[in-house]
Amino acid sequence: MKRLELLDYGRFFAALMVVAFHYTFNGIVNGKINSINHIPSVIEVTKYGYLGVELFFMISGYVIFFSAKNRTAAMFAESRAIRLYPAYWFAILFTSFFALQWGGDLMSVYPGQIVANFTMVQSLVGIDNVDGVYWTLVYEISFYFAVFILLFFGLQKHLETIFVYWPFLFCIALVFGLQSKPYLGGYYYYFAAGALFASIANRFNRKAVVSLMVTYAFCINFSAGKAAHLSDVKGVEYSGLVIALIVTSFFAIFIYQNSKNGRLVSLPMSRIAGALTYPVYLIHAHFGYMFINRFATEENKIVIYAVTVSIVLIAALSLHLIVEKHFHFVWKKLFYYTVSCPINYFQRFQKKFQVRYQNPMS
């Protein structure tokens, strides 16, 4: 599969949206940054930066479709583990180091919490995340798990059909009030949208287009429908129309990506932009809050913002080059033995059981 340079830029832009949202707006609103005040003209834009997460999820749905369709369950699980865990483990250590020094009441951590966070599913058992941004990883893992189950039971050839009919489950969930259930609503709309765009890119299908239109409506309703709640919680006015337009722009990016020009587009430094996105996302939030809170004043906050972003970019680049690239062979071997081998064993056992069940007299 050709590298999707436009989506690499999209990933990085989404990360910058989230960084701007946290540093200039949300960190101040939630009290984790109390040494400076908002810049009113800036937050009118950056208060919508949280929508970068929705773009992340769309890109994930798109990429995972192509990642899964020609892989076995073991290959898929191993590749996802290599992608998610090494950078995440380093990010936990990075953030925890500063939290132990500067965390205070709101961002302090303790050893048991740090250890539990290495699983990535600590929130499911009521343990706080070392960094608040980790909440999105539970959605990523749950989406990957669903795809993994499909691959485990040999449904690779049916992925397109399954994704095409996924939005109709959203409709059923809406009727019965089940939107809060896993895979039936909320942020899963965006994973579905990305997967449907990928399905259409792979092979044009009118049913997929209809499903995508349905999913678009769900995405708009979900995100724009939160405007009033956000206004109450954040203390500033959110526009449902602006949210809808931003979400629509995300869909426009994918429409262009699927066009001939979009597929052929060549963008400078797209590879490094895409590679830095995940590390930047993982390490920026609580470290940034603590650094800004410790060193920023009303007089120097622009400089401190620039310094903070620079440190995050340098740390993210180091993480990518050293942890992800230099030690890639270590992670490859680790997850081959801890992920691929057990899955292959259980899959062989499952197939033998299936054959024996189908031929009980053999």
Protein backbone atom coordinates (compact mmCIF):
# COMPACT_ATOMS: atom_id res chain seq x y z
CA MET A 1 0.00 0.00 0.00
CA LYS A 2 1.38 3.41 -1.00
CA ARG A 3 2.15 5.72 1.92
CA LEU A 4 -0.74 8.09 2.54
CA GLU A 5 1.18 11.36 2.69
CA LEU A 6 -1.92 13.53 2.98
CA LEU A 7 -3.08 11.53 5.99
CA ASP A 8 0.39 11.81 7.55
CA TYR A 9 -0.09 15.57 7.42
CA GLY A 10 -3.63 15.06 8.70
CA ARG A 11 -2.32 13.11 11.70
CA PHE A 12 0.20 15.78 12.57
CA PHE A 13 -2.34 18.57 12.14
CA ALA A 14 -4.72 16.70 14.46
CA ALA A 15 -1.96 16.43 17.06
CA LEU A 16 -1.26 20.16 16.83
CA MET A 17 -4.98 20.86 17.25
CA VAL A 18 -5.01 18.85 20.47
CA VAL A 19 -1.78 20.43 21.74
CA ALA A 20 -3.13 23.94 21.15
CA PHE A 21 -6.41 23.01 22.85
CA HIS A 22 -4.65 21.70 25.94
CA TYR A 23 -1.98 24.39 26.34
CA THR A 24 -3.96 27.52 25.57
CA PHE A 25 -7.39 26.52 26.81
CA ASN A 26 -8.20 23.26 28.56
CA GLY A 27 -5.23 23.16 30.92
CA ILE A 28 -6.24 26.58 32.23
CA VAL A 29 -9.93 25.68 32.47
CA ASN A 30 -9.29 22.50 34.46
CA GLY A 31 -6.86 24.19 36.84
CA LYS A 32 -3.75 22.26 35.84
CA ILE A 33 -2.27 25.54 34.58
CA ASN A 34 -2.92 28.35 37.05
CA SER A 35 0.04 30.65 36.47
CA ILE A 36 -1.43 32.33 33.37
CA ASN A 37 -4.77 33.31 31.87
CA HIS A 38 -6.38 32.64 28.51
CA ILE A 39 -5.64 34.75 25.47
CA PRO A 40 -9.28 35.48 24.49
CA SER A 41 -8.70 35.92 20.76
CA VAL A 42 -6.69 32.68 20.62
CA ILE A 43 -9.12 30.45 22.48
CA GLU A 44 -11.94 31.35 20.11
CA VAL A 45 -10.07 29.05 17.71
CA THR A 46 -8.19 26.63 19.95
CA LYS A 47 -11.22 25.71 22.08
CA TYR A 48 -12.26 23.51 19.14
CA GLY A 49 -8.90 21.72 19.06
CA TYR A 50 -10.29 18.72 20.95
CA LEU A 51 -11.87 17.68 17.63
CA GLY A 52 -8.43 16.54 16.55
CA VAL A 53 -9.25 13.32 18.41
CA GLU A 54 -12.16 12.69 16.05
CA LEU A 55 -9.79 13.10 13.11
CA PHE A 56 -7.36 10.66 14.74
CA PHE A 57 -10.11 8.06 14.99
CA MET A 58 -11.12 8.52 11.35
CA ILE A 59 -7.53 8.07 10.22
CA SER A 60 -7.22 5.00 12.43
CA GLY A 61 -10.32 3.45 10.85
CA TYR A 62 -8.93 4.15 7.38
CA VAL A 63 -5.47 2.76 8.05
CA ILE A 64 -6.66 -0.30 9.98
CA PHE A 65 -8.88 -1.39 7.09
CA PHE A 66 -5.84 -1.70 4.83
CA SER A 67 -3.65 -3.06 7.61
CA ALA A 68 -6.09 -5.87 8.39
CA LYS A 69 -7.45 -7.02 5.07
CA ASN A 70 -4.37 -8.99 3.99
CA ARG A 71 -3.06 -10.10 7.39
CA THR A 72 -3.62 -12.97 9.75
CA ALA A 73 -4.88 -12.30 13.26
CA ALA A 74 -1.39 -12.86 14.69
CA MET A 75 0.29 -10.56 12.19
CA PHE A 76 -2.29 -7.85 12.84
CA ALA A 77 -2.03 -8.08 16.63
CA GLU A 78 1.76 -8.06 16.54
CA SER A 79 1.89 -5.01 14.27
CA ARG A 80 -0.57 -3.11 16.47
CA ALA A 81 1.36 -3.99 19.64
CA ILE A 82 4.61 -2.76 18.09
CA ARG A 83 2.87 0.43 17.00
CA LEU A 84 1.20 1.21 20.32
CA TYR A 85 3.17 -0.10 23.27
CA PRO A 86 6.89 0.83 23.06
CA ALA A 87 6.25 4.57 22.60
CA TYR A 88 3.51 4.43 25.21
CA TRP A 89 5.76 2.77 27.79
CA PHE A 90 8.42 5.41 27.29
CA ALA A 91 5.79 8.15 27.53
CA ILE A 92 4.62 6.78 30.90
CA LEU A 93 8.18 6.94 32.25
CA PHE A 94 8.73 10.40 30.77
CA THR A 95 5.55 11.89 32.23
CA SER A 96 5.89 10.06 35.55
CA PHE A 97 9.40 11.44 36.07
CA PHE A 98 8.12 15.01 35.88
CA ALA A 99 4.90 14.24 37.74
CA LEU A 100 6.89 12.93 40.71
CA GLN A 101 8.71 16.28 40.85
CA TRP A 102 6.04 18.78 39.82
CA GLY A 103 2.72 16.92 39.81
CA GLY A 104 1.15 18.55 42.85
CA ASP A 105 -2.40 17.62 43.80
CA LEU A 106 -3.79 17.31 40.27
CA MET A 107 -1.07 15.43 38.39
CA SER A 108 0.82 13.41 40.99
CA VAL A 109 1.38 9.70 40.41
CA TYR A 110 2.27 6.71 42.59
CA PRO A 111 4.22 3.51 41.81
CA GLY A 112 1.23 1.17 41.59
CA GLN A 113 -0.52 3.54 39.22
CA ILE A 114 2.55 3.77 37.00
CA VAL A 115 2.89 -0.02 36.80
CA ALA A 116 -0.82 -0.49 36.07
CA ASN A 117 -0.63 2.08 33.28
CA PHE A 118 1.78 -0.16 31.38
CA THR A 119 -1.19 -2.34 30.46
CA MET A 120 -2.97 0.54 28.67
CA VAL A 121 -6.32 -0.66 30.03
CA GLN A 122 -5.89 0.61 33.60
CA SER A 123 -8.97 2.82 33.38
CA LEU A 124 -11.15 -0.27 32.92
CA VAL A 125 -10.32 -1.31 36.48
CA GLY A 126 -10.64 2.17 37.98
CA ILE A 127 -6.98 3.20 38.04
CA ASP A 128 -6.23 6.76 36.93
CA ASN A 129 -4.22 7.41 33.79
CA VAL A 130 -0.73 8.82 34.30
CA ASP A 131 -1.69 11.35 31.62
CA GLY A 132 -5.25 12.31 30.82
CA VAL A 133 -4.83 11.87 27.07
CA TYR A 134 -4.52 8.11 27.46
CA TRP A 135 -8.32 7.80 27.50
CA THR A 136 -8.34 7.68 23.70
CA LEU A 137 -6.14 4.59 23.67
CA VAL A 138 -8.92 2.49 25.18
CA TYR A 139 -11.05 3.31 22.12
CA GLU A 140 -8.16 2.44 19.82
CA ILE A 141 -7.56 -0.90 21.53
CA SER A 142 -11.25 -1.79 21.56
CA PHE A 143 -11.47 -1.09 17.82
CA TYR A 144 -8.34 -3.14 17.18
CA PHE A 145 -9.73 -5.94 19.32
CA ALA A 146 -12.94 -6.09 17.27
CA VAL A 147 -10.93 -6.28 14.04
CA PHE A 148 -8.65 -8.90 15.59
CA ILE A 149 -11.64 -11.10 16.48
CA LEU A 150 -12.86 -10.91 12.89
CA LEU A 151 -9.44 -11.96 11.63
CA PHE A 152 -9.10 -14.70 14.23
CA PHE A 153 -12.24 -16.36 12.92
CA GLY A 154 -11.11 -16.04 9.31
CA LEU A 155 -13.40 -13.21 8.22
CA GLN A 156 -10.78 -11.17 6.33
CA LYS A 157 -12.72 -11.54 3.07
CA HIS A 158 -15.84 -10.16 4.73
CA LEU A 159 -14.31 -7.03 6.28
CA GLU A 160 -15.79 -4.73 3.64
CA THR A 161 -19.26 -6.17 4.11
CA ILE A 162 -19.01 -5.94 7.89
CA PHE A 163 -17.92 -2.30 7.77
CA VAL A 164 -20.65 -1.47 5.25
CA TYR A 165 -23.35 -2.79 7.58
CA TRP A 166 -21.85 -1.40 10.78
CA PRO A 167 -23.76 1.94 10.46
CA PHE A 168 -27.03 0.04 10.36
CA LEU A 169 -26.18 -1.27 13.82
CA PHE A 170 -25.84 2.38 14.80
CA CYS A 171 -29.40 2.91 13.59
CA ILE A 172 -30.69 -0.03 15.60
CA ALA A 173 -28.78 1.20 18.66
CA LEU A 174 -30.39 4.63 18.24
CA VAL A 175 -33.87 3.13 18.19
CA PHE A 176 -33.26 1.09 21.34
CA GLY A 177 -31.15 3.65 23.19
CA LEU A 178 -27.95 1.61 23.06
CA GLN A 179 -25.59 4.28 21.68
CA SER A 180 -23.46 4.21 24.83
CA LYS A 181 -22.60 0.54 24.33
CA PRO A 182 -19.20 -0.38 22.84
CA TYR A 183 -19.12 -0.26 19.03
CA LEU A 184 -22.69 1.09 18.78
CA GLY A 185 -22.21 4.84 19.04
CA GLY A 186 -20.10 7.76 20.15
CA TYR A 187 -16.52 7.88 18.92
CA TYR A 188 -16.99 4.59 17.07
CA TYR A 189 -18.85 6.60 14.42
CA TYR A 190 -15.49 8.05 13.41
CA PHE A 191 -13.73 4.70 13.21
CA ALA A 192 -16.57 3.50 11.00
CA ALA A 193 -16.32 6.58 8.79
CA GLY A 194 -12.59 6.06 8.25
CA ALA A 195 -13.05 2.36 7.50
CA LEU A 196 -15.82 3.13 5.00
CA PHE A 197 -13.65 5.68 3.20
CA ALA A 198 -10.95 2.99 2.99
CA SER A 199 -13.46 0.45 1.69
CA ILE A 200 -14.55 2.88 -1.03
CA ALA A 201 -10.91 3.59 -1.90
CA ASN A 202 -10.26 -0.13 -2.18
CA ARG A 203 -13.32 -0.88 -4.31
CA PHE A 204 -16.14 1.53 -5.09
CA ASN A 205 -19.41 0.29 -3.64
CA ARG A 206 -22.71 2.19 -3.63
CA LYS A 207 -23.75 0.52 -0.38
CA ALA A 208 -20.57 1.79 1.25
CA VAL A 209 -21.37 5.32 0.04
CA VAL A 210 -24.86 5.12 1.56
CA SER A 211 -23.39 3.77 4.80
CA LEU A 212 -20.87 6.60 4.82
CA MET A 213 -23.63 9.18 4.44
CA VAL A 214 -25.48 7.62 7.36
CA THR A 215 -22.29 7.63 9.43
CA TYR A 216 -21.63 11.27 8.55
CA ALA A 217 -25.04 12.18 9.96
CA PHE A 218 -24.26 10.28 13.16
CA CYS A 219 -20.87 12.03 13.47
CA ILE A 220 -22.42 15.47 13.07
CA ASN A 221 -25.18 14.73 15.54
CA PHE A 222 -22.75 13.29 18.10
CA SER A 223 -20.16 16.08 17.97
CA ALA A 224 -22.31 19.13 17.28
CA GLY A 225 -24.86 17.86 19.78
CA LYS A 226 -22.32 18.34 22.56
CA ALA A 227 -22.03 22.11 22.00
CA ALA A 228 -24.44 23.11 24.78
CA HIS A 229 -22.85 20.72 27.28
CA LEU A 230 -19.35 21.96 26.42
CA SER A 231 -20.48 25.55 26.82
CA ASP A 232 -21.71 24.79 30.33
CA VAL A 233 -18.67 22.76 31.37
CA LYS A 234 -15.94 24.94 29.85
CA GLY A 235 -17.51 28.32 30.54
CA VAL A 236 -17.24 29.59 26.96
CA GLU A 237 -19.67 29.50 24.09
CA TYR A 238 -19.38 26.60 21.64
CA SER A 239 -21.13 26.72 18.28
CA GLY A 240 -22.76 23.54 17.01
CA LEU A 241 -22.48 24.96 13.50
CA VAL A 242 -18.73 25.49 13.81
CA ILE A 243 -18.29 21.96 15.16
CA ALA A 244 -20.33 20.58 12.26
CA LEU A 245 -18.22 22.51 9.75
CA ILE A 246 -14.98 21.24 11.27
CA VAL A 247 -16.21 17.64 11.19
CA THR A 248 -17.35 18.17 7.61
CA SER A 249 -13.85 19.40 6.73
CA PHE A 250 -12.47 16.10 8.04
CA PHE A 251 -14.76 14.23 5.66
CA ALA A 252 -13.62 16.54 2.85
CA ILE A 253 -9.99 15.57 3.54
CA PHE A 254 -10.85 11.91 3.04
CA ILE A 255 -12.86 12.61 -0.09
CA TYR A 256 -9.79 14.31 -1.52
CA GLN A 257 -7.54 11.50 -0.26
CA ASN A 258 -9.65 9.03 -2.24
CA SER A 259 -9.43 11.09 -5.42
CA LYS A 260 -6.77 10.47 -8.04
CA ASN A 261 -4.95 13.69 -7.14
CA GLY A 262 -5.12 12.86 -3.44
CA ARG A 263 -3.56 9.45 -3.93
CA LEU A 264 -0.72 10.90 -5.98
CA VAL A 265 -0.01 13.90 -3.76
CA SER A 266 3.58 14.21 -2.57
CA LEU A 267 4.23 16.32 0.52
CA PRO A 268 7.62 17.24 2.03
CA MET A 269 8.54 15.58 5.34
CA SER A 270 5.25 13.69 5.44
CA ARG A 271 6.92 10.54 6.77
CA ILE A 272 8.47 12.29 9.77
CA ALA A 273 5.26 14.27 10.38
CA GLY A 274 3.28 11.05 10.54
CA ALA A 275 5.91 9.34 12.70
CA LEU A 276 6.00 12.16 15.26
CA THR A 277 2.24 12.33 15.74
CA TYR A 278 1.82 9.48 18.22
CA PRO A 279 4.83 10.41 20.41
CA VAL A 280 3.77 14.07 20.46
CA TYR A 281 0.26 13.10 21.49
CA LEU A 282 1.48 10.79 24.25
CA ILE A 283 3.90 13.15 25.98
CA HIS A 284 2.55 16.66 25.43
CA ALA A 285 -0.31 17.07 27.91
CA HIS A 286 0.67 16.66 31.55
CA PHE A 287 4.33 17.45 30.90
CA GLY A 288 3.25 20.62 29.12
CA TYR A 289 0.84 21.58 31.88
CA MET A 290 3.53 21.14 34.54
CA PHE A 291 6.22 22.97 32.58
CA ILE A 292 3.98 25.90 31.66
CA ASN A 293 2.59 26.16 35.18
CA ARG A 294 6.07 26.18 36.67
CA PHE A 295 7.74 28.67 34.35
CA ALA A 296 5.10 30.76 32.58
CA THR A 297 3.91 34.20 33.63
CA GLU A 298 1.68 36.68 31.85
CA GLU A 299 4.80 38.47 30.62
CA ASN A 300 6.68 35.47 29.20
CA LYS A 301 3.93 32.99 28.32
CA ILE A 302 4.40 33.22 24.55
CA VAL A 303 8.07 32.35 24.95
CA ILE A 304 7.26 29.51 27.37
CA TYR A 305 4.64 28.15 24.98
CA ALA A 306 7.29 28.07 22.23
CA VAL A 307 9.85 26.44 24.53
CA THR A 308 7.33 23.83 25.70
CA VAL A 309 6.32 22.86 22.17
CA SER A 310 10.00 22.69 21.16
CA ILE A 311 10.82 20.37 24.06
CA VAL A 312 7.86 18.15 23.20
CA LEU A 313 8.90 17.94 19.54
CA ILE A 314 12.52 17.13 20.43
CA ALA A 315 11.44 14.51 22.97
CA ALA A 316 8.99 13.02 20.46
CA LEU A 317 11.68 12.86 17.77
CA SER A 318 14.08 11.19 20.20
CA LEU A 319 11.39 8.72 21.19
CA HIS A 320 10.70 7.87 17.57
CA LEU A 321 14.34 7.53 16.50
CA ILE A 322 15.59 5.65 19.56
CA VAL A 323 12.67 3.74 21.07
CA GLU A 324 10.61 3.02 17.95
CA LYS A 325 13.24 2.76 15.21
CA HIS A 326 16.57 1.85 16.80
CA PHE A 327 15.06 -0.79 19.06
CA HIS A 328 12.45 -1.98 16.58
CA PHE A 329 14.11 -5.41 16.35
CA VAL A 330 13.71 -5.80 20.13
CA TRP A 331 9.99 -5.06 20.01
CA LYS A 332 9.57 -7.26 16.96
CA LYS A 333 11.07 -10.22 18.77
CA LEU A 334 9.26 -9.47 22.05
CA PHE A 335 5.81 -9.26 20.50
CA TYR A 336 6.45 -12.17 18.17
CA TYR A 337 6.90 -14.47 21.17
CA THR A 338 4.35 -12.83 23.49
CA VAL A 339 1.63 -12.02 20.96
CA SER A 340 2.01 -13.83 17.63
CA CYS A 341 3.04 -17.24 18.93
CA PRO A 342 0.21 -17.61 21.47
CA ILE A 343 -2.35 -16.41 18.93
CA ASN A 344 -1.10 -18.83 16.29
CA TYR A 345 -1.24 -21.65 18.83
CA PHE A 346 -4.82 -20.88 19.86
CA GLN A 347 -5.86 -20.40 16.26
CA ARG A 348 -4.51 -23.84 15.31
CA PHE A 349 -6.33 -25.30 18.31
CA GLN A 350 -9.53 -23.51 17.31
CA LYS A 351 -9.31 -24.82 13.74
CA LYS A 352 -8.70 -28.38 14.93
CA PHE A 353 -11.68 -28.11 17.26
CA GLN A 354 -13.80 -26.72 14.43
CA VAL A 355 -12.83 -29.58 12.12
CA ARG A 356 -13.52 -32.16 14.82
CA TYR A 357 -16.90 -30.56 15.59
CA GLN A 358 -17.84 -30.60 11.92
CA ASN A 359 -16.70 -34.22 11.56
CA PRO A 360 -17.56 -35.84 14.91
CA MET A 361 -17.02 -39.40 13.59
CA SER A 362 -13.50 -38.78 12.31
